[in-house]
């Protein structure tokens, strides 16, 4: 396997999201008052109040290696009303039907791609999803910038429920600007949330520096009522 392919595979495994949109019977989100208020502000700043209006989201999830070369790309055409996502990556094109189990073969791989890639696109709007546990971490200065800190973990939901995140939020704009990802107590990886653009009713980050690689969203389109 080529180095770029290995890097992309490792990235998918290590970043596989902590929260699946189809989690069943998840407990309600929880947290201290300051954490819940901040989460609501972040959701609103990102357009989450308009989520019910969104019909379709198209985007390409790109991983760029440390040499500036493309390591992988996955194209998505997510029809929210139909409950499907058409995923194209490598030499495969697969339609994920969220009503199905998607636990084998190409269907499983495509579903995992959707889970990972949509979380990078939409995480700030998912802070109040079922099973999310939040704690306000006060304020912290990182590289000369002051942020509000929100610690996030999960209760019995998603593909990797043991993951934890620390979010660094602009105190004025209420947009996530950085995060730390902790798959275990011994491991932490940090990334940026940059390149915010308005797509229909949603405000989404399109650029991330994650370690020595970049994760970028291109060809983003949002259709809404």
C-alpha atoms as a PDB file:
ATOM      1  CA  UNK A   1       0.000   0.000   0.000  1.00  0.00           C
ATOM      2  CA  UNK A   2       1.365   3.438  -0.920  1.00  0.00           C
ATOM      3  CA  UNK A   3       2.292   5.860   1.868  1.00  0.00           C
ATOM      4  CA  UNK A   4      -0.498   8.298   0.973  1.00  0.00           C
ATOM      5  CA  UNK A   5      -3.075   5.519   1.078  1.00  0.00           C
ATOM      6  CA  UNK A   6      -1.759   4.328   4.437  1.00  0.00           C
ATOM      7  CA  UNK A   7      -1.941   7.869   5.809  1.00  0.00           C
ATOM      8  CA  UNK A   8      -5.519   8.255   4.652  1.00  0.00           C
ATOM      9  CA  UNK A   9      -6.533   4.906   6.122  1.00  0.00           C
ATOM     10  CA  UNK A  10      -4.954   5.693   9.476  1.00  0.00           C
ATOM     11  CA  UNK A  11      -6.607   9.101   9.478  1.00  0.00           C
ATOM     12  CA  UNK A  12     -10.042   7.578   8.949  1.00  0.00           C
ATOM     13  CA  UNK A  13      -9.553   5.074  11.769  1.00  0.00           C
ATOM     14  CA  UNK A  14      -8.200   7.602  14.254  1.00  0.00           C
ATOM     15  CA  UNK A  15     -10.735  10.326  13.493  1.00  0.00           C
ATOM     16  CA  UNK A  16     -13.787   8.091  13.178  1.00  0.00           C
ATOM     17  CA  UNK A  17     -16.371  10.219  14.878  1.00  0.00           C
ATOM     18  CA  UNK A  18     -17.629   9.858  18.373  1.00  0.00           C
ATOM     19  CA  UNK A  19     -21.225  10.447  17.415  1.00  0.00           C
ATOM     20  CA  UNK A  20     -23.454   8.767  14.843  1.00  0.00           C
ATOM     21  CA  UNK A  21     -26.527  10.661  13.644  1.00  0.00           C
ATOM     22  CA  UNK A  22     -28.571   7.477  13.801  1.00  0.00           C
ATOM     23  CA  UNK A  23     -27.839   6.634  17.469  1.00  0.00           C
ATOM     24  CA  UNK A  24     -30.990   5.051  18.900  1.00  0.00           C
ATOM     25  CA  UNK A  25     -32.506   5.935  22.266  1.00  0.00           C
ATOM     26  CA  UNK A  26     -29.550   8.139  23.168  1.00  0.00           C
ATOM     27  CA  UNK A  27     -29.831  10.046  26.446  1.00  0.00           C
ATOM     28  CA  UNK A  28     -30.387  13.801  26.143  1.00  0.00           C
ATOM     29  CA  UNK A  29     -27.317  16.062  26.000  1.00  0.00           C
ATOM     30  CA  UNK A  30     -26.008  17.071  29.408  1.00  0.00           C
ATOM     31  CA  UNK A  31     -23.643  19.567  30.953  1.00  0.00           C
ATOM     32  CA  UNK A  32     -23.270  22.428  33.389  1.00  0.00           C
ATOM     33  CA  UNK A  33     -25.259  25.601  32.717  1.00  0.00           C
ATOM     34  CA  UNK A  34     -22.310  27.510  31.233  1.00  0.00           C
ATOM     35  CA  UNK A  35     -21.459  24.614  28.904  1.00  0.00           C
ATOM     36  CA  UNK A  36     -25.031  24.231  27.663  1.00  0.00           C
ATOM     37  CA  UNK A  37     -25.372  27.962  27.032  1.00  0.00           C
ATOM     38  CA  UNK A  38     -22.102  28.064  25.095  1.00  0.00           C
ATOM     39  CA  UNK A  39     -23.104  25.016  23.064  1.00  0.00           C
ATOM     40  CA  UNK A  40     -26.407  26.666  22.133  1.00  0.00           C
ATOM     41  CA  UNK A  41     -24.524  29.794  21.044  1.00  0.00           C
ATOM     42  CA  UNK A  42     -22.160  27.723  18.875  1.00  0.00           C
ATOM     43  CA  UNK A  43     -25.023  25.810  17.254  1.00  0.00           C
ATOM     44  CA  UNK A  44     -26.813  29.068  16.467  1.00  0.00           C
ATOM     45  CA  UNK A  45     -23.677  30.772  15.081  1.00  0.00           C
ATOM     46  CA  UNK A  46     -23.171  27.846  12.694  1.00  0.00           C
ATOM     47  CA  UNK A  47     -26.753  27.940  11.442  1.00  0.00           C
ATOM     48  CA  UNK A  48     -28.042  25.009  13.442  1.00  0.00           C
ATOM     49  CA  UNK A  49     -31.375  26.722  14.066  1.00  0.00           C
ATOM     50  CA  UNK A  50     -32.012  26.297  10.326  1.00  0.00           C
ATOM     51  CA  UNK A  51     -31.070  22.612  10.144  1.00  0.00           C
ATOM     52  CA  UNK A  52     -34.664  21.472   9.581  1.00  0.00           C
ATOM     53  CA  UNK A  53     -34.718  23.494   6.348  1.00  0.00           C
ATOM     54  CA  UNK A  54     -31.704  21.719   4.824  1.00  0.00           C
ATOM     55  CA  UNK A  55     -32.609  19.282   2.040  1.00  0.00           C
ATOM     56  CA  UNK A  56     -29.298  18.353   0.456  1.00  0.00           C
ATOM     57  CA  UNK A  57     -25.583  18.784   1.128  1.00  0.00           C
ATOM     58  CA  UNK A  58     -22.814  18.114  -1.375  1.00  0.00           C
ATOM     59  CA  UNK A  59     -19.122  18.306  -0.567  1.00  0.00           C
ATOM     60  CA  UNK A  60     -15.736  16.696  -1.120  1.00  0.00           C
ATOM     61  CA  UNK A  61     -13.608  15.680   1.869  1.00  0.00           C
ATOM     62  CA  UNK A  62      -9.914  16.027   1.007  1.00  0.00           C
ATOM     63  CA  UNK A  63      -6.799  14.910   2.879  1.00  0.00           C
ATOM     64  CA  UNK A  64      -3.544  16.619   1.886  1.00  0.00           C
ATOM     65  CA  UNK A  65      -0.307  15.062   3.144  1.00  0.00           C
ATOM     66  CA  UNK A  66       2.632  16.925   4.653  1.00  0.00           C
ATOM     67  CA  UNK A  67       4.252  17.311   1.236  1.00  0.00           C
ATOM     68  CA  UNK A  68       1.178  19.098  -0.107  1.00  0.00           C
ATOM     69  CA  UNK A  69       0.111  16.112  -2.188  1.00  0.00           C
ATOM     70  CA  UNK A  70      -3.463  14.757  -2.212  1.00  0.00           C
ATOM     71  CA  UNK A  71      -3.699  11.634  -0.062  1.00  0.00           C
ATOM     72  CA  UNK A  72      -7.383  10.901  -0.597  1.00  0.00           C
ATOM     73  CA  UNK A  73     -10.695  12.459  -1.562  1.00  0.00           C
ATOM     74  CA  UNK A  74     -14.281  11.398  -0.925  1.00  0.00           C
ATOM     75  CA  UNK A  75     -17.207  13.043  -2.674  1.00  0.00           C
ATOM     76  CA  UNK A  76     -20.624  13.136  -1.009  1.00  0.00           C
ATOM     77  CA  UNK A  77     -24.154  13.852  -2.214  1.00  0.00           C
ATOM     78  CA  UNK A  78     -26.317  13.633   0.904  1.00  0.00           C
ATOM     79  CA  UNK A  79     -30.077  13.742   0.365  1.00  0.00           C
ATOM     80  CA  UNK A  80     -31.410  14.394   3.851  1.00  0.00           C
ATOM     81  CA  UNK A  81     -35.066  13.948   2.932  1.00  0.00           C
ATOM     82  CA  UNK A  82     -34.444  10.617   1.202  1.00  0.00           C
ATOM     83  CA  UNK A  83     -32.073   9.403   3.927  1.00  0.00           C
ATOM     84  CA  UNK A  84     -29.247   8.564   1.524  1.00  0.00           C
ATOM     85  CA  UNK A  85     -25.696   9.618   0.727  1.00  0.00           C
ATOM     86  CA  UNK A  86     -23.995   8.885  -2.585  1.00  0.00           C
ATOM     87  CA  UNK A  87     -20.317   8.414  -1.693  1.00  0.00           C
ATOM     88  CA  UNK A  88     -17.508   8.295  -4.263  1.00  0.00           C
ATOM     89  CA  UNK A  89     -13.936   7.512  -3.188  1.00  0.00           C
ATOM     90  CA  UNK A  90     -11.056   5.685  -4.805  1.00  0.00           C
ATOM     91  CA  UNK A  91     -12.690   3.542  -7.524  1.00  0.00           C
ATOM     92  CA  UNK A  92     -15.994   3.084  -5.694  1.00  0.00           C
ATOM     93  CA  UNK A  93     -19.384   4.783  -5.846  1.00  0.00           C
ATOM     94  CA  UNK A  94     -21.832   3.560  -3.209  1.00  0.00           C
ATOM     95  CA  UNK A  95     -25.255   4.757  -2.072  1.00  0.00           C
ATOM     96  CA  UNK A  96     -25.637   4.624   1.694  1.00  0.00           C
ATOM     97  CA  UNK A  97     -29.213   4.076   2.855  1.00  0.00           C
ATOM     98  CA  UNK A  98     -29.388   5.117   6.492  1.00  0.00           C
ATOM     99  CA  UNK A  99     -32.382   2.873   7.158  1.00  0.00           C
ATOM    100  CA  UNK A 100     -30.160  -0.150   6.415  1.00  0.00           C
ATOM    101  CA  UNK A 101     -27.595  -1.732   8.741  1.00  0.00           C
ATOM    102  CA  UNK A 102     -24.597  -0.901   6.517  1.00  0.00           C
ATOM    103  CA  UNK A 103     -22.449  -3.365   8.432  1.00  0.00           C
ATOM    104  CA  UNK A 104     -20.733  -5.262   5.616  1.00  0.00           C
ATOM    105  CA  UNK A 105     -18.504  -4.666   2.595  1.00  0.00           C
ATOM    106  CA  UNK A 106     -18.778  -1.491   0.549  1.00  0.00           C
ATOM    107  CA  UNK A 107     -21.918  -0.364   2.382  1.00  0.00           C
ATOM    108  CA  UNK A 108     -20.039  -0.406   5.693  1.00  0.00           C
ATOM    109  CA  UNK A 109     -17.036   1.417   4.229  1.00  0.00           C
ATOM    110  CA  UNK A 110     -19.243   4.076   2.632  1.00  0.00           C
ATOM    111  CA  UNK A 111     -21.215   4.546   5.854  1.00  0.00           C
ATOM    112  CA  UNK A 112     -17.983   5.016   7.802  1.00  0.00           C
ATOM    113  CA  UNK A 113     -16.875   7.598   5.261  1.00  0.00           C
ATOM    114  CA  UNK A 114     -20.144   9.496   5.713  1.00  0.00           C
ATOM    115  CA  UNK A 115     -19.869   9.325   9.512  1.00  0.00           C
ATOM    116  CA  UNK A 116     -16.309  10.650   9.520  1.00  0.00           C
ATOM    117  CA  UNK A 117     -16.593  13.213   6.758  1.00  0.00           C
ATOM    118  CA  UNK A 118     -19.945  14.695   7.802  1.00  0.00           C
ATOM    119  CA  UNK A 119     -18.669  15.155  11.362  1.00  0.00           C
ATOM    120  CA  UNK A 120     -15.735  17.218  10.129  1.00  0.00           C
ATOM    121  CA  UNK A 121     -18.240  19.300   8.166  1.00  0.00           C
ATOM    122  CA  UNK A 122     -20.980  19.669  10.791  1.00  0.00           C
ATOM    123  CA  UNK A 123     -19.551  19.035  14.273  1.00  0.00           C
ATOM    124  CA  UNK A 124     -20.356  22.521  15.674  1.00  0.00           C
ATOM    125  CA  UNK A 125     -24.057  21.915  14.979  1.00  0.00           C
ATOM    126  CA  UNK A 126     -24.048  18.557  16.769  1.00  0.00           C
ATOM    127  CA  UNK A 127     -23.077  19.726  20.238  1.00  0.00           C
ATOM    128  CA  UNK A 128     -26.613  19.212  21.507  1.00  0.00           C
ATOM    129  CA  UNK A 129     -27.147  15.759  19.999  1.00  0.00           C
ATOM    130  CA  UNK A 130     -28.297  12.909  22.212  1.00  0.00           C
ATOM    131  CA  UNK A 131     -25.530  11.324  24.257  1.00  0.00           C
ATOM    132  CA  UNK A 132     -23.247  14.369  24.206  1.00  0.00           C
ATOM    133  CA  UNK A 133     -21.725  15.335  27.567  1.00  0.00           C
ATOM    134  CA  UNK A 134     -20.332  18.863  27.934  1.00  0.00           C
ATOM    135  CA  UNK A 135     -18.310  20.743  30.531  1.00  0.00           C
ATOM    136  CA  UNK A 136     -17.250  24.377  30.398  1.00  0.00           C
ATOM    137  CA  UNK A 137     -13.487  24.706  30.689  1.00  0.00           C
ATOM    138  CA  UNK A 138     -13.268  28.441  31.324  1.00  0.00           C
ATOM    139  CA  UNK A 139     -11.018  30.509  29.083  1.00  0.00           C
ATOM    140  CA  UNK A 140      -7.608  29.656  27.674  1.00  0.00           C
ATOM    141  CA  UNK A 141      -5.033  31.408  25.529  1.00  0.00           C
ATOM    142  CA  UNK A 142      -3.576  29.459  22.610  1.00  0.00           C
ATOM    143  CA  UNK A 143      -0.947  30.991  20.323  1.00  0.00           C
ATOM    144  CA  UNK A 144      -1.840  34.488  21.517  1.00  0.00           C
ATOM    145  CA  UNK A 145      -5.606  34.075  21.055  1.00  0.00           C
ATOM    146  CA  UNK A 146      -8.098  33.795  23.910  1.00  0.00           C
ATOM    147  CA  UNK A 147     -10.845  31.175  23.620  1.00  0.00           C
ATOM    148  CA  UNK A 148     -13.756  29.820  25.574  1.00  0.00           C
ATOM    149  CA  UNK A 149     -13.164  26.126  26.212  1.00  0.00           C
ATOM    150  CA  UNK A 150     -15.762  23.387  25.914  1.00  0.00           C
ATOM    151  CA  UNK A 151     -14.928  19.796  26.852  1.00  0.00           C
ATOM    152  CA  UNK A 152     -16.947  17.119  25.070  1.00  0.00           C
ATOM    153  CA  UNK A 153     -17.397  13.411  25.705  1.00  0.00           C
ATOM    154  CA  UNK A 154     -20.124  10.866  24.978  1.00  0.00           C
ATOM    155  CA  UNK A 155     -22.472   8.494  26.729  1.00  0.00           C
ATOM    156  CA  UNK A 156     -23.135   5.188  24.977  1.00  0.00           C
ATOM    157  CA  UNK A 157     -23.471   6.596  21.447  1.00  0.00           C
ATOM    158  CA  UNK A 158     -21.590   6.433  18.178  1.00  0.00           C
ATOM    159  CA  UNK A 159     -18.889   4.254  16.694  1.00  0.00           C
ATOM    160  CA  UNK A 160     -16.150   5.324  19.129  1.00  0.00           C
ATOM    161  CA  UNK A 161     -17.928   6.453  22.331  1.00  0.00           C
ATOM    162  CA  UNK A 162     -14.705   6.643  24.358  1.00  0.00           C
ATOM    163  CA  UNK A 163     -13.340   9.584  22.381  1.00  0.00           C
ATOM    164  CA  UNK A 164     -13.045  13.012  23.968  1.00  0.00           C
ATOM    165  CA  UNK A 165     -12.654  16.487  22.477  1.00  0.00           C
ATOM    166  CA  UNK A 166     -11.678  19.915  23.726  1.00  0.00           C
ATOM    167  CA  UNK A 167     -13.122  22.746  21.634  1.00  0.00           C
ATOM    168  CA  UNK A 168     -11.683  26.265  21.524  1.00  0.00           C
ATOM    169  CA  UNK A 169     -14.373  28.794  20.685  1.00  0.00           C
ATOM    170  CA  UNK A 170     -14.094  32.425  19.611  1.00  0.00           C
ATOM    171  CA  UNK A 171     -15.718  34.367  22.480  1.00  0.00           C
ATOM    172  CA  UNK A 172     -17.256  36.969  20.156  1.00  0.00           C
ATOM    173  CA  UNK A 173     -18.261  35.006  17.055  1.00  0.00           C
ATOM    174  CA  UNK A 174     -19.037  31.764  18.934  1.00  0.00           C
ATOM    175  CA  UNK A 175     -17.374  29.760  16.159  1.00  0.00           C
ATOM    176  CA  UNK A 176     -15.158  26.741  16.862  1.00  0.00           C
ATOM    177  CA  UNK A 177     -11.596  27.704  15.914  1.00  0.00           C
ATOM    178  CA  UNK A 178      -9.573  24.741  17.197  1.00  0.00           C
ATOM    179  CA  UNK A 179     -10.035  21.321  18.722  1.00  0.00           C
ATOM    180  CA  UNK A 180      -8.044  18.658  20.518  1.00  0.00           C
ATOM    181  CA  UNK A 181      -9.015  15.064  19.746  1.00  0.00           C
ATOM    182  CA  UNK A 182      -8.239  12.463  22.398  1.00  0.00           C
ATOM    183  CA  UNK A 183      -8.953   8.839  21.468  1.00  0.00           C
ATOM    184  CA  UNK A 184      -7.269   7.818  24.738  1.00  0.00           C
ATOM    185  CA  UNK A 185      -5.815   9.442  27.843  1.00  0.00           C
ATOM    186  CA  UNK A 186      -2.311   9.018  26.418  1.00  0.00           C
ATOM    187  CA  UNK A 187      -2.964  10.430  22.963  1.00  0.00           C
ATOM    188  CA  UNK A 188      -3.953  13.910  21.805  1.00  0.00           C
ATOM    189  CA  UNK A 189      -4.077  15.405  18.313  1.00  0.00           C
ATOM    190  CA  UNK A 190      -4.882  19.037  17.597  1.00  0.00           C
ATOM    191  CA  UNK A 191      -6.430  20.730  14.596  1.00  0.00           C
ATOM    192  CA  UNK A 192      -7.744  24.081  13.422  1.00  0.00           C
ATOM    193  CA  UNK A 193     -11.189  25.103  12.194  1.00  0.00           C
ATOM    194  CA  UNK A 194     -10.671  27.800   9.570  1.00  0.00           C
ATOM    195  CA  UNK A 195     -12.011  29.023   6.260  1.00  0.00           C
ATOM    196  CA  UNK A 196     -15.567  29.607   7.425  1.00  0.00           C
ATOM    197  CA  UNK A 197     -17.981  30.328   4.595  1.00  0.00           C
ATOM    198  CA  UNK A 198     -21.730  30.796   4.348  1.00  0.00           C
ATOM    199  CA  UNK A 199     -23.490  28.006   2.441  1.00  0.00           C
ATOM    200  CA  UNK A 200     -27.201  28.710   2.328  1.00  0.00           C
ATOM    201  CA  UNK A 201     -28.353  28.832   5.973  1.00  0.00           C
ATOM    202  CA  UNK A 202     -25.197  27.137   7.326  1.00  0.00           C
ATOM    203  CA  UNK A 203     -21.812  28.615   8.242  1.00  0.00           C
ATOM    204  CA  UNK A 204     -19.190  25.898   7.798  1.00  0.00           C
ATOM    205  CA  UNK A 205     -15.424  25.596   8.234  1.00  0.00           C
ATOM    206  CA  UNK A 206     -13.684  24.459   5.051  1.00  0.00           C
ATOM    207  CA  UNK A 207     -10.025  24.255   6.132  1.00  0.00           C
ATOM    208  CA  UNK A 208      -8.306  22.292   8.893  1.00  0.00           C
ATOM    209  CA  UNK A 209      -4.643  21.889   9.729  1.00  0.00           C
ATOM    210  CA  UNK A 210      -4.462  18.578  11.578  1.00  0.00           C
ATOM    211  CA  UNK A 211      -0.969  17.657  12.618  1.00  0.00           C
ATOM    212  CA  UNK A 212       1.202  17.654   9.506  1.00  0.00           C
ATOM    213  CA  UNK A 213      -1.764  17.180   7.173  1.00  0.00           C
ATOM    214  CA  UNK A 214      -4.615  19.312   5.918  1.00  0.00           C
ATOM    215  CA  UNK A 215      -8.266  18.336   5.786  1.00  0.00           C
ATOM    216  CA  UNK A 216     -10.206  20.567   3.427  1.00  0.00           C
ATOM    217  CA  UNK A 217     -13.811  20.704   2.229  1.00  0.00           C
ATOM    218  CA  UNK A 218     -14.351  21.653  -1.387  1.00  0.00           C
ATOM    219  CA  UNK A 219     -17.312  21.813  -3.797  1.00  0.00           C
ATOM    220  CA  UNK A 220     -19.639  22.538  -0.865  1.00  0.00           C
ATOM    221  CA  UNK A 221     -23.299  23.143  -1.736  1.00  0.00           C
ATOM    222  CA  UNK A 222     -26.254  23.341   0.631  1.00  0.00           C
ATOM    223  CA  UNK A 223     -29.850  23.255  -0.618  1.00  0.00           C
ATOM    224  CA  UNK A 224     -32.556  24.396   1.768  1.00  0.00           C
ATOM    225  CA  UNK A 225     -36.221  25.382   1.792  1.00  0.00           C
END
